[in-house]
Amino acid sequence: MERKRDMNTYVYVLAVAKRVKQLLKGEKPRVKYRDYNVIKVAKEEIERGEIIPVIPQDIINNIDSVVENKESEE
């Protein structure tokens, strides 16, 4: 499986990293995987839609302000 094309790569990587930390702390995986590798499990969960990454509003606001600053410089 591959990541969905509509998902930002940066958000995808952060989501996988966060999910890996959760799995290492003992959370149960939401998908069955024959070779239990936490990175593969985290990626699979996100790719199947079992885990949906959410971008916090403050990050979205920060991105908007960066874009506005760039536009005003031009």
Protein backbone atom coordinates (compact mmCIF):
# COMPACT_ATOMS: atom_id res chain seq x y z
CA MET A 1 0.00 0.00 0.00
CA GLU A 2 1.07 3.57 -0.60
CA ARG A 3 0.15 6.79 1.09
CA LYS A 4 -2.78 8.60 -0.43
CA ARG A 5 -1.74 11.25 -2.92
CA ASP A 6 -3.91 13.89 -1.26
CA MET A 7 -1.96 13.55 1.99
CA ASN A 8 0.93 15.96 2.50
CA THR A 9 4.24 14.10 2.86
CA TYR A 10 5.25 16.16 5.88
CA VAL A 11 1.98 15.41 7.68
CA TYR A 12 2.29 11.73 6.74
CA VAL A 13 5.81 11.44 8.19
CA LEU A 14 4.81 13.22 11.41
CA ALA A 15 1.76 11.00 11.77
CA VAL A 16 3.81 7.83 11.29
CA ALA A 17 6.38 9.02 13.84
CA LYS A 18 3.71 9.85 16.40
CA ARG A 19 1.95 6.52 15.88
CA VAL A 20 5.25 4.63 16.21
CA LYS A 21 5.80 6.30 19.60
CA GLN A 22 2.29 5.29 20.67
CA LEU A 23 2.85 1.69 19.60
CA LEU A 24 6.19 1.56 21.41
CA LYS A 25 4.47 2.80 24.57
CA GLY A 26 2.12 -0.18 24.40
CA GLU A 27 -0.93 0.87 22.39
CA LYS A 28 -2.49 -1.99 20.50
CA PRO A 29 -2.16 -1.97 16.71
CA ARG A 30 -5.37 -1.46 14.73
CA VAL A 31 -4.26 -3.72 11.89
CA LYS A 32 -2.87 -7.23 11.87
CA TYR A 33 0.58 -7.52 10.44
CA ARG A 34 2.51 -10.76 10.08
CA ASP A 35 5.91 -9.12 10.65
CA TYR A 36 5.47 -6.87 13.68
CA ASN A 37 7.59 -3.88 12.80
CA VAL A 38 6.18 -0.75 14.46
CA ILE A 39 7.04 1.48 11.50
CA LYS A 40 5.31 -0.85 9.02
CA VAL A 41 2.30 -1.18 11.31
CA ALA A 42 2.00 2.60 11.74
CA LYS A 43 2.24 3.17 7.98
CA GLU A 44 -0.32 0.46 7.30
CA GLU A 45 -2.77 1.92 9.83
CA ILE A 46 -2.56 5.35 8.22
CA GLU A 47 -2.74 4.00 4.66
CA ARG A 48 -5.86 1.95 5.48
CA GLY A 49 -7.52 4.91 7.18
CA GLU A 50 -7.46 3.38 10.67
CA ILE A 51 -5.50 6.41 11.85
CA ILE A 52 -6.38 9.81 10.39
CA PRO A 53 -3.75 12.55 10.81
CA VAL A 54 -5.11 15.89 11.98
CA ILE A 55 -3.25 19.16 11.57
CA PRO A 56 -3.72 21.41 14.63
CA GLN A 57 -5.28 24.80 13.89
CA ASP A 58 -2.26 26.75 15.18
CA ILE A 59 -0.04 25.08 12.58
CA ILE A 60 -2.54 25.87 9.84
CA ASN A 61 -2.62 29.50 11.00
CA ASN A 62 1.18 29.64 10.97
CA ILE A 63 1.29 28.27 7.42
CA ASP A 64 -1.28 30.87 6.34
CA SER A 65 0.79 33.70 7.83
CA VAL A 66 3.94 32.48 6.05
CA VAL A 67 2.08 32.37 2.74
CA GLU A 68 0.66 35.87 3.35
CA ASN A 69 4.14 37.24 4.13
CA LYS A 70 5.58 35.75 0.94
CA GLU A 71 2.75 37.23 -1.14
CA SER A 72 3.21 40.70 0.37
CA GLU A 73 6.97 40.60 -0.44
CA GLU A 74 6.30 40.07 -4.14
